[in-house]
Amino acid sequence: MVKQERAARTRRTLLRSAAAQFDLDGYAGASLAKISKAAGISLGAVTFHFSSKADLAEAVEAEGRATVRAAIERIEDLSDAPLRHLADLTLELARLIEQKDAVRALLRLERERPGSSAWTEIWLPTADELLQRAYEDGDLLPSAHPEIMAALLVHLVAGAEIVFRRHRAAGLPTPDSSVELLSRIWQLVMTGAANEPAPG
C-alpha cells in the first residue's frame, strides 16, 4: 500500500513538472531529462511511469482535459440564464489558462503535436447549447446567430491565452488579469460598443 501511494505521488509530481515544461518550452523543447531534473526524480523513475515523451505528453493532455471538464461541471448550476452561464463558462476557461499549467500545456501540445484533439471539443458543445437556448429565448439579437457567437467565444478564449503568454514572456506585470479583462469585454459585448450601426 505504501509503495502504491509513493508511486502515485511520484506520478503526480512528474505530471506537474511535465505540464510546466511543456507549457514553457513546448513539445520539442521539453525533454524527459529536463522534466526529470525539474521534478527531482531520477530519469529511470520517469521512464518507469512513462515509456516516452509522447506517452507523458498524452498523460498531461488527459490531465488538462479532466481539469476543464471538472470546471464545466462545477459551473453548470451557477445560473439559469444562458448568457450569464456562457459568460461564467468563458471566465472559468480564462481562469484555468491563468492558473493551471496542465491546461496551458494542453493548449500548446494540441498545436504542436499532430493528431491531438482540440480542447474546444470539451467546452464548445456546452457553449453551443447555451447559445441556442439564448437565441430561441430571444435573449440574442436576430443578427447574433449562435454560429457567429460561437466563433466569437473561441476568439475571446484564445485571446485570454495570448494575453497571458505575452505578459509572461515579456516579464511584465499584468495590470488586469485576463479574467478581469475578459469580464470587461463581456460587459462591452452585452451593452454594445457602437452608437451607430456598423457599415456594410
C-alpha atoms as a PDB file:
ATOM      1  CA  MET A   1       0.000   0.000   0.000  1.00  0.00           C
ATOM      2  CA  VAL A   2       2.809   2.432   0.921  1.00  0.00           C
ATOM      3  CA  LYS A   3       4.572   1.519  -2.327  1.00  0.00           C
ATOM      4  CA  GLN A   4       1.426   2.284  -4.334  1.00  0.00           C
ATOM      5  CA  GLU A   5       0.964   5.630  -2.594  1.00  0.00           C
ATOM      6  CA  ARG A   6       4.582   6.533  -3.269  1.00  0.00           C
ATOM      7  CA  ALA A   7       4.193   5.567  -6.937  1.00  0.00           C
ATOM      8  CA  ALA A   8       1.028   7.669  -7.214  1.00  0.00           C
ATOM      9  CA  ARG A   9       2.812  10.655  -5.618  1.00  0.00           C
ATOM     10  CA  THR A  10       5.758  10.255  -7.997  1.00  0.00           C
ATOM     11  CA  ARG A  11       3.393  10.132 -10.977  1.00  0.00           C
ATOM     12  CA  ARG A  12       1.574  13.296  -9.833  1.00  0.00           C
ATOM     13  CA  THR A  13       4.885  15.114  -9.347  1.00  0.00           C
ATOM     14  CA  LEU A  14       6.039  14.075 -12.810  1.00  0.00           C
ATOM     15  CA  LEU A  15       2.766  15.231 -14.384  1.00  0.00           C
ATOM     16  CA  ARG A  16       3.051  18.632 -12.676  1.00  0.00           C
ATOM     17  CA  SER A  17       6.668  19.082 -13.796  1.00  0.00           C
ATOM     18  CA  ALA A  18       5.914  17.878 -17.309  1.00  0.00           C
ATOM     19  CA  ALA A  19       2.925  20.232 -17.604  1.00  0.00           C
ATOM     20  CA  ALA A  20       5.105  23.186 -16.595  1.00  0.00           C
ATOM     21  CA  GLN A  21       7.858  22.191 -19.048  1.00  0.00           C
ATOM     22  CA  PHE A  22       5.506  21.577 -21.975  1.00  0.00           C
ATOM     23  CA  ASP A  23       3.778  24.887 -21.262  1.00  0.00           C
ATOM     24  CA  LEU A  24       7.051  26.847 -21.190  1.00  0.00           C
ATOM     25  CA  ASP A  25       9.192  25.008 -23.745  1.00  0.00           C
ATOM     26  CA  GLY A  26       6.690  23.229 -25.981  1.00  0.00           C
ATOM     27  CA  TYR A  27       6.825  19.607 -27.028  1.00  0.00           C
ATOM     28  CA  ALA A  28      10.109  19.909 -28.934  1.00  0.00           C
ATOM     29  CA  GLY A  29      11.832  21.979 -26.236  1.00  0.00           C
ATOM     30  CA  ALA A  30      10.914  19.744 -23.308  1.00  0.00           C
ATOM     31  CA  SER A  31      12.870  16.560 -22.691  1.00  0.00           C
ATOM     32  CA  LEU A  32      12.492  13.684 -20.258  1.00  0.00           C
ATOM     33  CA  ALA A  33      15.859  14.657 -18.755  1.00  0.00           C
ATOM     34  CA  LYS A  34      14.708  18.258 -18.204  1.00  0.00           C
ATOM     35  CA  ILE A  35      11.401  17.100 -16.707  1.00  0.00           C
ATOM     36  CA  SER A  36      13.239  14.597 -14.509  1.00  0.00           C
ATOM     37  CA  LYS A  37      15.569  17.313 -13.187  1.00  0.00           C
ATOM     38  CA  ALA A  38      12.707  19.785 -12.534  1.00  0.00           C
ATOM     39  CA  ALA A  39      10.747  17.105 -10.680  1.00  0.00           C
ATOM     40  CA  GLY A  40      13.754  15.988  -8.634  1.00  0.00           C
ATOM     41  CA  ILE A  41      13.100  12.423  -9.753  1.00  0.00           C
ATOM     42  CA  SER A  42      15.535  10.090 -11.491  1.00  0.00           C
ATOM     43  CA  LEU A  43      15.252   9.532 -15.223  1.00  0.00           C
ATOM     44  CA  GLY A  44      14.779   5.832 -14.509  1.00  0.00           C
ATOM     45  CA  ALA A  45      11.706   6.637 -12.408  1.00  0.00           C
ATOM     46  CA  VAL A  46      10.361   8.827 -15.207  1.00  0.00           C
ATOM     47  CA  THR A  47      10.661   6.055 -17.777  1.00  0.00           C
ATOM     48  CA  PHE A  48       9.187   3.564 -15.316  1.00  0.00           C
ATOM     49  CA  HIS A  49       5.979   5.609 -15.241  1.00  0.00           C
ATOM     50  CA  PHE A  50       6.073   6.939 -18.813  1.00  0.00           C
ATOM     51  CA  SER A  51       7.801   4.989 -21.554  1.00  0.00           C
ATOM     52  CA  SER A  52       8.350   8.008 -23.820  1.00  0.00           C
ATOM     53  CA  LYS A  53       7.918  11.758 -24.072  1.00  0.00           C
ATOM     54  CA  ALA A  54       4.842  11.165 -26.228  1.00  0.00           C
ATOM     55  CA  ASP A  55       3.349   8.967 -23.513  1.00  0.00           C
ATOM     56  CA  LEU A  56       3.997  11.668 -20.923  1.00  0.00           C
ATOM     57  CA  ALA A  57       2.543  14.380 -23.183  1.00  0.00           C
ATOM     58  CA  GLU A  58      -0.627  12.322 -23.630  1.00  0.00           C
ATOM     59  CA  ALA A  59      -0.943  11.997 -19.845  1.00  0.00           C
ATOM     60  CA  VAL A  60      -0.534  15.766 -19.432  1.00  0.00           C
ATOM     61  CA  GLU A  61      -3.156  16.387 -22.109  1.00  0.00           C
ATOM     62  CA  ALA A  62      -5.523  13.989 -20.319  1.00  0.00           C
ATOM     63  CA  GLU A  63      -4.911  15.874 -17.062  1.00  0.00           C
ATOM     64  CA  GLY A  64      -5.663  19.189 -18.768  1.00  0.00           C
ATOM     65  CA  ARG A  65      -8.876  17.859 -20.312  1.00  0.00           C
ATOM     66  CA  ALA A  66     -10.013  16.428 -16.961  1.00  0.00           C
ATOM     67  CA  THR A  67      -9.398  19.816 -15.321  1.00  0.00           C
ATOM     68  CA  VAL A  68     -11.507  21.582 -17.952  1.00  0.00           C
ATOM     69  CA  ARG A  69     -14.334  19.015 -17.719  1.00  0.00           C
ATOM     70  CA  ALA A  70     -14.412  19.313 -13.912  1.00  0.00           C
ATOM     71  CA  ALA A  71     -14.624  23.110 -14.183  1.00  0.00           C
ATOM     72  CA  ILE A  72     -17.521  22.888 -16.647  1.00  0.00           C
ATOM     73  CA  GLU A  73     -19.374  20.577 -14.271  1.00  0.00           C
ATOM     74  CA  ARG A  74     -18.730  22.938 -11.336  1.00  0.00           C
ATOM     75  CA  ILE A  75     -20.331  25.927 -13.041  1.00  0.00           C
ATOM     76  CA  GLU A  76     -23.265  24.048 -14.570  1.00  0.00           C
ATOM     77  CA  ASP A  77     -25.715  25.153 -11.880  1.00  0.00           C
ATOM     78  CA  LEU A  78     -24.417  28.667 -11.305  1.00  0.00           C
ATOM     79  CA  SER A  79     -27.039  30.379 -13.447  1.00  0.00           C
ATOM     80  CA  ASP A  80     -30.250  29.505 -15.244  1.00  0.00           C
ATOM     81  CA  ALA A  81     -29.798  32.436 -17.635  1.00  0.00           C
ATOM     82  CA  PRO A  82     -27.977  31.042 -20.700  1.00  0.00           C
ATOM     83  CA  LEU A  83     -25.966  34.194 -21.432  1.00  0.00           C
ATOM     84  CA  ARG A  84     -24.850  34.540 -17.797  1.00  0.00           C
ATOM     85  CA  HIS A  85     -23.881  30.867 -17.807  1.00  0.00           C
ATOM     86  CA  LEU A  86     -21.994  31.407 -21.056  1.00  0.00           C
ATOM     87  CA  ALA A  87     -20.038  34.322 -19.585  1.00  0.00           C
ATOM     88  CA  ASP A  88     -19.264  32.235 -16.478  1.00  0.00           C
ATOM     89  CA  LEU A  89     -18.013  29.422 -18.712  1.00  0.00           C
ATOM     90  CA  THR A  90     -15.590  31.618 -20.652  1.00  0.00           C
ATOM     91  CA  LEU A  91     -14.383  33.360 -17.495  1.00  0.00           C
ATOM     92  CA  GLU A  92     -13.692  29.977 -15.909  1.00  0.00           C
ATOM     93  CA  LEU A  93     -11.744  28.903 -19.015  1.00  0.00           C
ATOM     94  CA  ALA A  94      -9.678  32.102 -18.811  1.00  0.00           C
ATOM     95  CA  ARG A  95      -9.081  31.422 -15.100  1.00  0.00           C
ATOM     96  CA  LEU A  96      -7.847  27.915 -15.900  1.00  0.00           C
ATOM     97  CA  ILE A  97      -5.497  29.312 -18.532  1.00  0.00           C
ATOM     98  CA  GLU A  98      -4.067  31.711 -15.957  1.00  0.00           C
ATOM     99  CA  GLN A  99      -3.768  29.251 -13.100  1.00  0.00           C
ATOM    100  CA  LYS A 100      -3.283  25.706 -14.431  1.00  0.00           C
ATOM    101  CA  ASP A 101      -0.074  24.563 -16.118  1.00  0.00           C
ATOM    102  CA  ALA A 102      -1.821  21.417 -17.361  1.00  0.00           C
ATOM    103  CA  VAL A 103      -4.448  23.456 -19.214  1.00  0.00           C
ATOM    104  CA  ARG A 104      -1.866  25.719 -20.848  1.00  0.00           C
ATOM    105  CA  ALA A 105       0.236  22.648 -21.690  1.00  0.00           C
ATOM    106  CA  LEU A 106      -2.855  21.064 -23.269  1.00  0.00           C
ATOM    107  CA  LEU A 107      -3.337  24.140 -25.472  1.00  0.00           C
ATOM    108  CA  ARG A 108       0.304  24.240 -26.532  1.00  0.00           C
ATOM    109  CA  LEU A 109       0.595  20.495 -27.104  1.00  0.00           C
ATOM    110  CA  GLU A 110      -2.522  20.373 -29.266  1.00  0.00           C
ATOM    111  CA  ARG A 111      -0.923  22.983 -31.541  1.00  0.00           C
ATOM    112  CA  GLU A 112       2.451  21.231 -31.664  1.00  0.00           C
ATOM    113  CA  ARG A 113       1.520  17.550 -31.789  1.00  0.00           C
ATOM    114  CA  PRO A 114      -0.227  16.291 -34.921  1.00  0.00           C
ATOM    115  CA  GLY A 115      -3.374  14.328 -34.167  1.00  0.00           C
ATOM    116  CA  SER A 116      -4.093  15.954 -30.816  1.00  0.00           C
ATOM    117  CA  SER A 117      -7.785  16.681 -30.435  1.00  0.00           C
ATOM    118  CA  ALA A 118      -8.846  20.303 -29.996  1.00  0.00           C
ATOM    119  CA  TRP A 119      -9.692  21.417 -26.476  1.00  0.00           C
ATOM    120  CA  THR A 120     -12.699  23.284 -27.891  1.00  0.00           C
ATOM    121  CA  GLU A 121     -14.309  19.861 -28.277  1.00  0.00           C
ATOM    122  CA  ILE A 122     -14.530  19.769 -24.474  1.00  0.00           C
ATOM    123  CA  TRP A 123     -16.359  23.052 -23.877  1.00  0.00           C
ATOM    124  CA  LEU A 124     -17.794  24.270 -27.188  1.00  0.00           C
ATOM    125  CA  PRO A 125     -20.743  21.811 -27.218  1.00  0.00           C
ATOM    126  CA  THR A 126     -21.893  23.295 -23.878  1.00  0.00           C
ATOM    127  CA  ALA A 127     -21.450  26.814 -25.267  1.00  0.00           C
ATOM    128  CA  ASP A 128     -23.381  25.867 -28.417  1.00  0.00           C
ATOM    129  CA  GLU A 129     -26.307  24.592 -26.326  1.00  0.00           C
ATOM    130  CA  LEU A 130     -26.379  27.761 -24.243  1.00  0.00           C
ATOM    131  CA  LEU A 131     -26.226  29.961 -27.335  1.00  0.00           C
ATOM    132  CA  GLN A 132     -29.055  28.044 -28.980  1.00  0.00           C
ATOM    133  CA  ARG A 133     -31.191  28.441 -25.848  1.00  0.00           C
ATOM    134  CA  ALA A 134     -30.434  32.151 -25.630  1.00  0.00           C
ATOM    135  CA  TYR A 135     -31.281  32.603 -29.325  1.00  0.00           C
ATOM    136  CA  GLU A 136     -34.550  30.689 -29.053  1.00  0.00           C
ATOM    137  CA  ASP A 137     -35.491  32.601 -25.873  1.00  0.00           C
ATOM    138  CA  GLY A 138     -34.960  35.913 -27.653  1.00  0.00           C
ATOM    139  CA  ASP A 139     -32.015  36.890 -25.435  1.00  0.00           C
ATOM    140  CA  LEU A 140     -29.848  37.497 -28.503  1.00  0.00           C
ATOM    141  CA  LEU A 141     -30.479  39.871 -31.377  1.00  0.00           C
ATOM    142  CA  PRO A 142     -31.572  38.137 -34.593  1.00  0.00           C
ATOM    143  CA  SER A 143     -28.218  39.130 -36.138  1.00  0.00           C
ATOM    144  CA  ALA A 144     -26.320  37.440 -33.279  1.00  0.00           C
ATOM    145  CA  HIS A 145     -26.685  33.971 -34.742  1.00  0.00           C
ATOM    146  CA  PRO A 146     -25.367  31.163 -32.492  1.00  0.00           C
ATOM    147  CA  GLU A 147     -22.691  30.128 -35.018  1.00  0.00           C
ATOM    148  CA  ILE A 148     -21.283  33.660 -35.158  1.00  0.00           C
ATOM    149  CA  MET A 149     -21.409  33.975 -31.375  1.00  0.00           C
ATOM    150  CA  ALA A 150     -19.641  30.610 -31.003  1.00  0.00           C
ATOM    151  CA  ALA A 151     -16.816  31.897 -33.221  1.00  0.00           C
ATOM    152  CA  LEU A 152     -16.636  34.999 -31.015  1.00  0.00           C
ATOM    153  CA  LEU A 153     -16.307  32.833 -27.902  1.00  0.00           C
ATOM    154  CA  VAL A 154     -13.451  30.815 -29.408  1.00  0.00           C
ATOM    155  CA  HIS A 155     -11.644  34.064 -30.246  1.00  0.00           C
ATOM    156  CA  LEU A 156     -12.252  35.543 -26.785  1.00  0.00           C
ATOM    157  CA  VAL A 157     -10.856  32.487 -25.011  1.00  0.00           C
ATOM    158  CA  ALA A 158      -7.903  32.244 -27.405  1.00  0.00           C
ATOM    159  CA  GLY A 159      -7.252  35.932 -26.708  1.00  0.00           C
ATOM    160  CA  ALA A 160      -7.113  35.223 -22.972  1.00  0.00           C
ATOM    161  CA  GLU A 161      -4.291  32.760 -23.596  1.00  0.00           C
ATOM    162  CA  ILE A 162      -2.426  35.179 -25.864  1.00  0.00           C
ATOM    163  CA  VAL A 163      -2.638  37.991 -23.290  1.00  0.00           C
ATOM    164  CA  PHE A 164      -1.352  35.707 -20.538  1.00  0.00           C
ATOM    165  CA  ARG A 165       1.555  34.335 -22.595  1.00  0.00           C
ATOM    166  CA  ARG A 166       2.571  37.759 -23.924  1.00  0.00           C
ATOM    167  CA  HIS A 167       2.786  39.275 -20.449  1.00  0.00           C
ATOM    168  CA  ARG A 168       4.620  36.284 -19.034  1.00  0.00           C
ATOM    169  CA  ALA A 169       7.136  36.182 -21.906  1.00  0.00           C
ATOM    170  CA  ALA A 170       7.881  39.891 -21.515  1.00  0.00           C
ATOM    171  CA  GLY A 171       8.131  39.549 -17.738  1.00  0.00           C
ATOM    172  CA  LEU A 172       5.527  42.281 -17.415  1.00  0.00           C
ATOM    173  CA  PRO A 173       3.150  42.561 -14.523  1.00  0.00           C
ATOM    174  CA  THR A 174      -0.372  42.250 -15.876  1.00  0.00           C
ATOM    175  CA  PRO A 175      -2.358  45.324 -14.824  1.00  0.00           C
ATOM    176  CA  ASP A 176      -5.528  43.280 -15.079  1.00  0.00           C
ATOM    177  CA  SER A 177      -5.705  39.522 -15.219  1.00  0.00           C
ATOM    178  CA  SER A 178      -7.024  38.009 -18.430  1.00  0.00           C
ATOM    179  CA  VAL A 179     -10.109  37.008 -16.420  1.00  0.00           C
ATOM    180  CA  GLU A 180     -10.805  40.619 -15.433  1.00  0.00           C
ATOM    181  CA  LEU A 181     -10.144  41.792 -18.976  1.00  0.00           C
ATOM    182  CA  LEU A 182     -12.498  39.164 -20.397  1.00  0.00           C
ATOM    183  CA  SER A 183     -15.139  40.177 -17.861  1.00  0.00           C
ATOM    184  CA  ARG A 184     -14.947  43.774 -19.110  1.00  0.00           C
ATOM    185  CA  ILE A 185     -15.111  42.572 -22.714  1.00  0.00           C
ATOM    186  CA  TRP A 186     -18.278  40.652 -21.829  1.00  0.00           C
ATOM    187  CA  GLN A 187     -19.820  43.849 -20.456  1.00  0.00           C
ATOM    188  CA  LEU A 188     -18.994  45.529 -23.749  1.00  0.00           C
ATOM    189  CA  VAL A 189     -20.455  42.635 -25.761  1.00  0.00           C
ATOM    190  CA  MET A 190     -23.659  42.735 -23.721  1.00  0.00           C
ATOM    191  CA  THR A 191     -24.153  46.503 -23.964  1.00  0.00           C
ATOM    192  CA  GLY A 192     -22.714  47.127 -27.427  1.00  0.00           C
ATOM    193  CA  ALA A 193     -19.881  49.448 -28.388  1.00  0.00           C
ATOM    194  CA  ALA A 194     -21.140  51.456 -31.367  1.00  0.00           C
ATOM    195  CA  ASN A 195     -23.537  54.410 -31.326  1.00  0.00           C
ATOM    196  CA  GLU A 196     -24.344  53.771 -34.979  1.00  0.00           C
ATOM    197  CA  PRO A 197     -24.923  50.576 -36.977  1.00  0.00           C
ATOM    198  CA  ALA A 198     -21.769  49.041 -38.394  1.00  0.00           C
ATOM    199  CA  PRO A 199     -21.118  49.860 -42.087  1.00  0.00           C
ATOM    200  CA  GLY A 200     -21.957  47.402 -44.832  1.00  0.00           C
END
